[in-house]
Amino acid sequence: MIKKSKSELSEMEYLVTQEDGTEPPFQNEYWNHFEKGIYVDKLSGKPLFTSEEKFESDCGWPSFSKALTDDEIVELVDKSFGMVRTEVRSEDSNSHLGHVFNDGPQESGGLRYCINSAAVQFIPYDKLEELGYGDLLTHFNK
């Protein structure tokens, strides 16, 4: 399992996960990344999303139609910046991940989890078994 301690985070990773920041759109690691695999909480290593639910939303951040499991995601009301949004946090590490909106693909439930790349780590499909995530292989179309 891949995880980091708070002291191992880069400045941007710390800003996003610990200070509820947001990385710049279109200038982050996974916004245009569509390799097969999973995205885990950078601090806890808990699986959050799979590439099977990732879609191109033109928002500049990785977007997913659903979380891998509702048990690892916490949703909170966010009234910052004069808006009312739904913040998404990791249950295990309490890290800020991003926000969820109701403008996602209707055929997938209508949600768009807009997630900061700085909050997650990508694990390629062919490394899942080796890195301790082999139980998630069943979540992928062969």
N, C-alpha and C. Protein backbone atom coordinates (compact mmCIF):
# COMPACT_ATOMS: atom_id res chain seq x y z
N MET A 1 0.84 -1.17 0.00
CA MET A 1 0.00 0.00 0.00
C MET A 1 0.89 1.25 0.00
N ILE A 2 0.54 2.20 -0.83
CA ILE A 2 1.32 3.44 -0.93
C ILE A 2 0.66 4.53 -0.09
N LYS A 3 1.42 5.16 0.77
CA LYS A 3 0.91 6.28 1.56
C LYS A 3 2.07 7.18 1.97
N LYS A 4 1.74 8.39 2.38
CA LYS A 4 2.74 9.37 2.79
C LYS A 4 2.36 9.94 4.15
N SER A 5 3.36 10.41 4.87
CA SER A 5 3.09 11.16 6.10
C SER A 5 2.97 12.63 5.71
N LYS A 6 2.39 13.43 6.58
CA LYS A 6 2.23 14.86 6.30
C LYS A 6 3.56 15.53 6.00
N SER A 7 4.62 15.08 6.67
CA SER A 7 5.94 15.70 6.46
C SER A 7 6.54 15.36 5.11
N GLU A 8 6.01 14.35 4.43
CA GLU A 8 6.52 13.96 3.11
C GLU A 8 5.79 14.66 1.97
N LEU A 9 4.77 15.44 2.27
CA LEU A 9 3.98 16.10 1.24
C LEU A 9 4.73 17.30 0.67
N SER A 10 4.54 17.52 -0.63
CA SER A 10 5.08 18.73 -1.25
C SER A 10 4.27 19.93 -0.76
N GLU A 11 4.73 21.12 -1.07
CA GLU A 11 4.01 22.33 -0.66
C GLU A 11 2.58 22.32 -1.20
N MET A 12 2.40 21.96 -2.48
CA MET A 12 1.06 21.93 -3.08
C MET A 12 0.20 20.82 -2.46
N GLU A 13 0.79 19.65 -2.25
CA GLU A 13 0.04 18.55 -1.63
C GLU A 13 -0.44 18.94 -0.23
N TYR A 14 0.41 19.63 0.53
CA TYR A 14 0.04 20.07 1.87
C TYR A 14 -1.07 21.13 1.80
N LEU A 15 -0.90 22.10 0.91
CA LEU A 15 -1.90 23.16 0.73
C LEU A 15 -3.28 22.56 0.44
N VAL A 16 -3.32 21.61 -0.48
CA VAL A 16 -4.59 21.01 -0.88
C VAL A 16 -5.17 20.13 0.22
N THR A 17 -4.40 19.17 0.70
CA THR A 17 -4.94 18.17 1.62
C THR A 17 -5.14 18.67 3.05
N GLN A 18 -4.27 19.55 3.53
CA GLN A 18 -4.32 19.98 4.92
C GLN A 18 -4.91 21.38 5.13
N GLU A 19 -4.85 22.21 4.07
CA GLU A 19 -5.34 23.58 4.20
C GLU A 19 -6.52 23.86 3.27
N ASP A 20 -7.12 22.79 2.74
CA ASP A 20 -8.32 22.88 1.89
C ASP A 20 -8.11 23.74 0.65
N GLY A 21 -6.90 23.72 0.13
CA GLY A 21 -6.58 24.50 -1.06
C GLY A 21 -7.03 23.81 -2.34
N THR A 22 -6.75 24.48 -3.45
CA THR A 22 -7.07 23.95 -4.77
C THR A 22 -5.88 24.21 -5.69
N GLU A 23 -5.46 23.18 -6.39
CA GLU A 23 -4.36 23.34 -7.34
C GLU A 23 -4.88 24.00 -8.63
N PRO A 24 -4.00 24.57 -9.42
CA PRO A 24 -4.44 25.22 -10.66
C PRO A 24 -5.04 24.22 -11.65
N PRO A 25 -6.11 24.62 -12.34
CA PRO A 25 -6.70 23.74 -13.36
C PRO A 25 -5.75 23.59 -14.54
N PHE A 26 -5.81 22.44 -15.18
CA PHE A 26 -5.02 22.11 -16.37
C PHE A 26 -3.51 22.13 -16.12
N GLN A 27 -3.10 22.28 -14.86
CA GLN A 27 -1.68 22.29 -14.52
C GLN A 27 -1.42 21.34 -13.36
N ASN A 28 -2.05 20.19 -13.43
CA ASN A 28 -1.89 19.20 -12.38
C ASN A 28 -1.71 17.83 -13.01
N GLU A 29 -1.21 16.91 -12.26
CA GLU A 29 -0.74 15.63 -12.79
C GLU A 29 -1.79 14.76 -13.48
N TYR A 30 -3.00 14.72 -12.99
CA TYR A 30 -3.96 13.73 -13.49
C TYR A 30 -5.14 14.29 -14.27
N TRP A 31 -5.20 15.59 -14.53
CA TRP A 31 -6.37 16.16 -15.19
C TRP A 31 -6.63 15.53 -16.55
N ASN A 32 -5.58 15.14 -17.25
CA ASN A 32 -5.71 14.58 -18.60
C ASN A 32 -5.07 13.18 -18.66
N HIS A 33 -5.20 12.45 -17.58
CA HIS A 33 -4.57 11.13 -17.42
C HIS A 33 -5.65 10.06 -17.46
N PHE A 34 -5.55 9.13 -18.40
CA PHE A 34 -6.61 8.13 -18.54
C PHE A 34 -6.08 6.71 -18.57
N GLU A 35 -4.95 6.46 -17.94
CA GLU A 35 -4.40 5.11 -17.84
C GLU A 35 -5.29 4.28 -16.90
N LYS A 36 -5.34 2.99 -17.16
CA LYS A 36 -6.14 2.07 -16.35
C LYS A 36 -5.48 1.87 -14.98
N GLY A 37 -6.27 2.06 -13.91
CA GLY A 37 -5.76 1.88 -12.56
C GLY A 37 -6.67 2.50 -11.52
N ILE A 38 -6.12 2.72 -10.33
CA ILE A 38 -6.89 3.31 -9.24
C ILE A 38 -6.21 4.57 -8.74
N TYR A 39 -6.99 5.39 -8.04
CA TYR A 39 -6.50 6.60 -7.41
C TYR A 39 -6.74 6.44 -5.91
N VAL A 40 -5.66 6.56 -5.14
CA VAL A 40 -5.75 6.35 -3.70
C VAL A 40 -5.47 7.66 -2.97
N ASP A 41 -5.96 7.75 -1.74
CA ASP A 41 -5.68 8.87 -0.86
C ASP A 41 -4.17 8.93 -0.65
N LYS A 42 -3.58 10.06 -0.94
CA LYS A 42 -2.13 10.20 -0.87
C LYS A 42 -1.59 9.96 0.54
N LEU A 43 -2.35 10.30 1.57
CA LEU A 43 -1.87 10.12 2.94
C LEU A 43 -2.12 8.71 3.48
N SER A 44 -3.32 8.18 3.29
CA SER A 44 -3.64 6.89 3.90
C SER A 44 -3.40 5.70 2.97
N GLY A 45 -3.38 5.95 1.67
CA GLY A 45 -3.25 4.85 0.71
C GLY A 45 -4.57 4.14 0.44
N LYS A 46 -5.66 4.62 1.03
CA LYS A 46 -6.96 3.99 0.82
C LYS A 46 -7.46 4.26 -0.59
N PRO A 47 -7.99 3.24 -1.27
CA PRO A 47 -8.52 3.41 -2.62
C PRO A 47 -9.76 4.31 -2.62
N LEU A 48 -9.81 5.26 -3.55
CA LEU A 48 -10.92 6.21 -3.62
C LEU A 48 -11.69 6.13 -4.94
N PHE A 49 -10.97 6.04 -6.07
CA PHE A 49 -11.60 6.07 -7.38
C PHE A 49 -10.87 5.11 -8.31
N THR A 50 -11.56 4.66 -9.37
CA THR A 50 -10.90 3.87 -10.41
C THR A 50 -10.97 4.63 -11.73
N SER A 51 -10.11 4.24 -12.63
CA SER A 51 -10.11 4.84 -13.97
C SER A 51 -11.39 4.49 -14.72
N GLU A 52 -12.10 3.46 -14.30
CA GLU A 52 -13.36 3.07 -14.94
C GLU A 52 -14.42 4.16 -14.81
N GLU A 53 -14.34 4.97 -13.76
CA GLU A 53 -15.32 6.04 -13.53
C GLU A 53 -14.78 7.42 -13.88
N LYS A 54 -13.54 7.48 -14.37
CA LYS A 54 -12.94 8.77 -14.73
C LYS A 54 -13.46 9.20 -16.10
N PHE A 55 -13.74 10.48 -16.24
CA PHE A 55 -14.21 10.99 -17.54
C PHE A 55 -13.66 12.39 -17.79
N GLU A 56 -13.66 12.79 -19.05
CA GLU A 56 -13.18 14.10 -19.45
C GLU A 56 -14.31 15.11 -19.22
N SER A 57 -14.06 16.08 -18.35
CA SER A 57 -15.10 17.06 -18.03
C SER A 57 -14.73 18.48 -18.47
N ASP A 58 -13.53 18.67 -18.98
CA ASP A 58 -13.04 19.98 -19.41
C ASP A 58 -12.99 21.00 -18.28
N CYS A 59 -12.90 20.52 -17.02
CA CYS A 59 -12.82 21.46 -15.90
C CYS A 59 -11.37 21.71 -15.47
N GLY A 60 -10.44 20.85 -15.93
CA GLY A 60 -9.03 21.05 -15.59
C GLY A 60 -8.54 20.23 -14.41
N TRP A 61 -9.42 19.45 -13.82
CA TRP A 61 -9.05 18.55 -12.73
C TRP A 61 -9.58 17.15 -13.04
N PRO A 62 -9.02 16.13 -12.42
CA PRO A 62 -9.56 14.78 -12.62
C PRO A 62 -11.02 14.73 -12.18
N SER A 63 -11.86 14.11 -13.00
CA SER A 63 -13.29 14.00 -12.70
C SER A 63 -13.72 12.55 -12.73
N PHE A 64 -14.52 12.17 -11.75
CA PHE A 64 -15.00 10.80 -11.62
C PHE A 64 -16.51 10.82 -11.41
N SER A 65 -17.20 9.84 -11.95
CA SER A 65 -18.66 9.79 -11.82
C SER A 65 -19.11 9.19 -10.49
N LYS A 66 -18.23 8.45 -9.84
CA LYS A 66 -18.56 7.92 -8.52
C LYS A 66 -17.28 7.50 -7.80
N ALA A 67 -17.41 7.39 -6.48
CA ALA A 67 -16.30 6.91 -5.66
C ALA A 67 -16.30 5.39 -5.67
N LEU A 68 -15.16 4.81 -5.41
CA LEU A 68 -15.05 3.36 -5.36
C LEU A 68 -15.98 2.79 -4.29
N THR A 69 -16.02 3.45 -3.14
CA THR A 69 -16.93 3.07 -2.06
C THR A 69 -17.29 4.32 -1.27
N ASP A 70 -18.52 4.42 -0.85
CA ASP A 70 -18.95 5.57 -0.06
C ASP A 70 -18.31 5.58 1.32
N ASP A 71 -17.78 4.45 1.76
CA ASP A 71 -17.16 4.35 3.09
C ASP A 71 -15.89 5.18 3.23
N GLU A 72 -15.23 5.50 2.13
CA GLU A 72 -13.95 6.23 2.20
C GLU A 72 -14.09 7.72 1.91
N ILE A 73 -15.31 8.18 1.60
CA ILE A 73 -15.55 9.57 1.23
C ILE A 73 -16.49 10.22 2.24
N VAL A 74 -16.15 11.43 2.65
CA VAL A 74 -17.01 12.23 3.52
C VAL A 74 -17.40 13.48 2.73
N GLU A 75 -18.69 13.82 2.73
CA GLU A 75 -19.17 15.02 2.05
C GLU A 75 -19.61 16.04 3.08
N LEU A 76 -19.15 17.29 2.93
CA LEU A 76 -19.47 18.37 3.85
C LEU A 76 -19.92 19.60 3.08
N VAL A 77 -20.76 20.42 3.69
CA VAL A 77 -21.17 21.68 3.08
C VAL A 77 -19.99 22.65 3.15
N ASP A 78 -19.69 23.28 2.01
CA ASP A 78 -18.60 24.25 1.90
C ASP A 78 -19.20 25.58 1.45
N LYS A 79 -19.15 26.59 2.31
CA LYS A 79 -19.72 27.90 1.98
C LYS A 79 -18.64 28.95 1.71
N SER A 80 -17.44 28.49 1.37
CA SER A 80 -16.34 29.42 1.10
C SER A 80 -16.52 30.11 -0.25
N PHE A 81 -15.86 31.23 -0.41
CA PHE A 81 -15.83 31.99 -1.66
C PHE A 81 -17.22 32.41 -2.15
N GLY A 82 -18.16 32.61 -1.21
CA GLY A 82 -19.50 33.09 -1.57
C GLY A 82 -20.35 32.07 -2.32
N MET A 83 -19.98 30.79 -2.24
CA MET A 83 -20.73 29.73 -2.92
C MET A 83 -21.14 28.68 -1.90
N VAL A 84 -22.12 27.87 -2.28
CA VAL A 84 -22.46 26.70 -1.49
C VAL A 84 -22.13 25.49 -2.35
N ARG A 85 -21.15 24.70 -1.89
CA ARG A 85 -20.71 23.52 -2.63
C ARG A 85 -20.64 22.34 -1.66
N THR A 86 -20.39 21.17 -2.22
CA THR A 86 -20.21 19.98 -1.39
C THR A 86 -18.75 19.59 -1.46
N GLU A 87 -18.07 19.73 -0.34
CA GLU A 87 -16.66 19.35 -0.24
C GLU A 87 -16.56 17.83 -0.09
N VAL A 88 -15.49 17.27 -0.66
CA VAL A 88 -15.21 15.84 -0.54
C VAL A 88 -13.90 15.69 0.23
N ARG A 89 -13.96 14.87 1.30
CA ARG A 89 -12.78 14.59 2.12
C ARG A 89 -12.58 13.09 2.22
N SER A 90 -11.37 12.69 2.50
CA SER A 90 -11.06 11.29 2.72
C SER A 90 -11.45 10.92 4.15
N GLU A 91 -12.21 9.86 4.31
CA GLU A 91 -12.64 9.41 5.64
C GLU A 91 -11.44 9.08 6.53
N ASP A 92 -10.49 8.34 6.01
CA ASP A 92 -9.39 7.83 6.81
C ASP A 92 -8.40 8.91 7.25
N SER A 93 -8.00 9.79 6.35
CA SER A 93 -6.97 10.79 6.68
C SER A 93 -7.55 12.18 6.92
N ASN A 94 -8.83 12.36 6.66
CA ASN A 94 -9.49 13.66 6.75
C ASN A 94 -8.85 14.69 5.82
N SER A 95 -8.28 14.25 4.73
CA SER A 95 -7.68 15.15 3.74
C SER A 95 -8.75 15.73 2.83
N HIS A 96 -8.58 17.01 2.49
CA HIS A 96 -9.43 17.64 1.48
C HIS A 96 -9.07 17.04 0.13
N LEU A 97 -10.08 16.56 -0.60
CA LEU A 97 -9.85 15.98 -1.93
C LEU A 97 -10.31 16.90 -3.05
N GLY A 98 -11.44 17.57 -2.84
CA GLY A 98 -12.03 18.41 -3.88
C GLY A 98 -13.50 18.64 -3.57
N HIS A 99 -14.33 18.64 -4.62
CA HIS A 99 -15.77 18.86 -4.47
C HIS A 99 -16.54 17.91 -5.39
N VAL A 100 -17.81 17.73 -5.08
CA VAL A 100 -18.69 16.93 -5.94
C VAL A 100 -19.83 17.83 -6.42
N PHE A 101 -20.15 17.70 -7.71
CA PHE A 101 -21.18 18.52 -8.35
C PHE A 101 -22.20 17.62 -9.03
N ASN A 102 -23.35 18.19 -9.35
CA ASN A 102 -24.43 17.42 -9.99
C ASN A 102 -24.47 17.61 -11.50
N ASP A 103 -23.33 17.84 -12.12
CA ASP A 103 -23.29 18.06 -13.57
C ASP A 103 -22.47 16.99 -14.30
N GLY A 104 -22.41 15.80 -13.72
CA GLY A 104 -21.67 14.70 -14.34
C GLY A 104 -22.52 13.95 -15.35
N PRO A 105 -21.98 12.90 -15.94
CA PRO A 105 -22.71 12.12 -16.94
C PRO A 105 -24.00 11.51 -16.36
N GLN A 106 -25.12 11.82 -16.96
CA GLN A 106 -26.41 11.33 -16.48
C GLN A 106 -26.48 9.80 -16.48
N GLU A 107 -25.88 9.18 -17.49
CA GLU A 107 -25.92 7.71 -17.59
C GLU A 107 -25.13 7.02 -16.48
N SER A 108 -24.31 7.80 -15.76
CA SER A 108 -23.51 7.25 -14.66
C SER A 108 -23.97 7.77 -13.30
N GLY A 109 -25.13 8.41 -13.26
CA GLY A 109 -25.67 8.90 -12.00
C GLY A 109 -25.69 10.40 -11.84
N GLY A 110 -25.04 11.13 -12.75
CA GLY A 110 -25.11 12.58 -12.75
C GLY A 110 -24.12 13.31 -11.85
N LEU A 111 -23.22 12.59 -11.20
CA LEU A 111 -22.26 13.26 -10.32
C LEU A 111 -20.92 13.48 -11.01
N ARG A 112 -20.24 14.54 -10.57
CA ARG A 112 -18.86 14.81 -11.01
C ARG A 112 -18.03 15.09 -9.77
N TYR A 113 -17.23 14.10 -9.39
CA TYR A 113 -16.27 14.31 -8.31
C TYR A 113 -15.07 15.00 -8.93
N CYS A 114 -14.89 16.25 -8.59
CA CYS A 114 -13.79 17.07 -9.12
C CYS A 114 -12.68 17.03 -8.07
N ILE A 115 -11.62 16.28 -8.35
CA ILE A 115 -10.62 15.93 -7.35
C ILE A 115 -9.27 16.55 -7.69
N ASN A 116 -8.60 17.07 -6.70
CA ASN A 116 -7.25 17.61 -6.87
C ASN A 116 -6.25 16.48 -7.06
N SER A 117 -5.44 16.56 -8.09
CA SER A 117 -4.39 15.57 -8.31
C SER A 117 -3.45 15.49 -7.11
N ALA A 118 -3.21 16.62 -6.45
CA ALA A 118 -2.29 16.67 -5.33
C ALA A 118 -2.77 15.85 -4.13
N ALA A 119 -4.04 15.47 -4.11
CA ALA A 119 -4.59 14.72 -2.98
C ALA A 119 -4.58 13.21 -3.19
N VAL A 120 -4.28 12.79 -4.42
CA VAL A 120 -4.35 11.37 -4.74
C VAL A 120 -3.06 10.87 -5.39
N GLN A 121 -2.88 9.57 -5.35
CA GLN A 121 -1.76 8.89 -6.01
C GLN A 121 -2.36 7.87 -6.96
N PHE A 122 -1.87 7.82 -8.19
CA PHE A 122 -2.35 6.85 -9.16
C PHE A 122 -1.56 5.55 -9.04
N ILE A 123 -2.27 4.44 -9.05
CA ILE A 123 -1.66 3.11 -9.04
C ILE A 123 -2.06 2.41 -10.35
N PRO A 124 -1.11 2.14 -11.24
CA PRO A 124 -1.44 1.48 -12.51
C PRO A 124 -2.06 0.09 -12.30
N TYR A 125 -2.94 -0.28 -13.18
CA TYR A 125 -3.63 -1.57 -13.13
C TYR A 125 -2.65 -2.73 -12.97
N ASP A 126 -1.56 -2.72 -13.73
CA ASP A 126 -0.62 -3.83 -13.69
C ASP A 126 0.24 -3.87 -12.43
N LYS A 127 0.09 -2.88 -11.54
CA LYS A 127 0.82 -2.86 -10.26
C LYS A 127 -0.10 -3.12 -9.06
N LEU A 128 -1.40 -3.28 -9.31
CA LEU A 128 -2.35 -3.43 -8.20
C LEU A 128 -2.00 -4.60 -7.30
N GLU A 129 -1.77 -5.76 -7.88
CA GLU A 129 -1.46 -6.96 -7.10
C GLU A 129 -0.17 -6.75 -6.30
N GLU A 130 0.86 -6.30 -6.98
CA GLU A 130 2.18 -6.10 -6.37
C GLU A 130 2.15 -5.12 -5.19
N LEU A 131 1.30 -4.08 -5.28
CA LEU A 131 1.27 -3.03 -4.25
C LEU A 131 0.18 -3.25 -3.21
N GLY A 132 -0.45 -4.42 -3.22
CA GLY A 132 -1.42 -4.75 -2.18
C GLY A 132 -2.86 -4.37 -2.47
N TYR A 133 -3.16 -4.07 -3.72
CA TYR A 133 -4.52 -3.69 -4.11
C TYR A 133 -5.17 -4.73 -5.02
N GLY A 134 -4.68 -5.96 -5.00
CA GLY A 134 -5.16 -7.01 -5.88
C GLY A 134 -6.65 -7.28 -5.77
N ASP A 135 -7.23 -7.04 -4.61
CA ASP A 135 -8.67 -7.26 -4.44
C ASP A 135 -9.52 -6.33 -5.30
N LEU A 136 -8.90 -5.28 -5.85
CA LEU A 136 -9.64 -4.31 -6.67
C LEU A 136 -9.64 -4.65 -8.16
N LEU A 137 -8.95 -5.70 -8.54
CA LEU A 137 -8.89 -6.10 -9.95
C LEU A 137 -10.29 -6.38 -10.51
N THR A 138 -11.21 -6.82 -9.66
CA THR A 138 -12.56 -7.14 -10.11
C THR A 138 -13.37 -5.91 -10.51
N HIS A 139 -12.89 -4.72 -10.20
CA HIS A 139 -13.60 -3.48 -10.54
C HIS A 139 -13.36 -3.03 -11.97
N PHE A 140 -12.57 -3.79 -12.70
CA PHE A 140 -12.20 -3.38 -14.06
C PHE A 140 -12.79 -4.30 -15.10
N ASN A 141 -13.19 -3.69 -16.21
CA ASN A 141 -13.59 -4.48 -17.39
C ASN A 141 -12.33 -5.10 -17.97
N LYS A 142 -12.41 -6.36 -18.32
CA LYS A 142 -11.23 -7.08 -18.85
C LYS A 142 -10.94 -6.66 -20.27
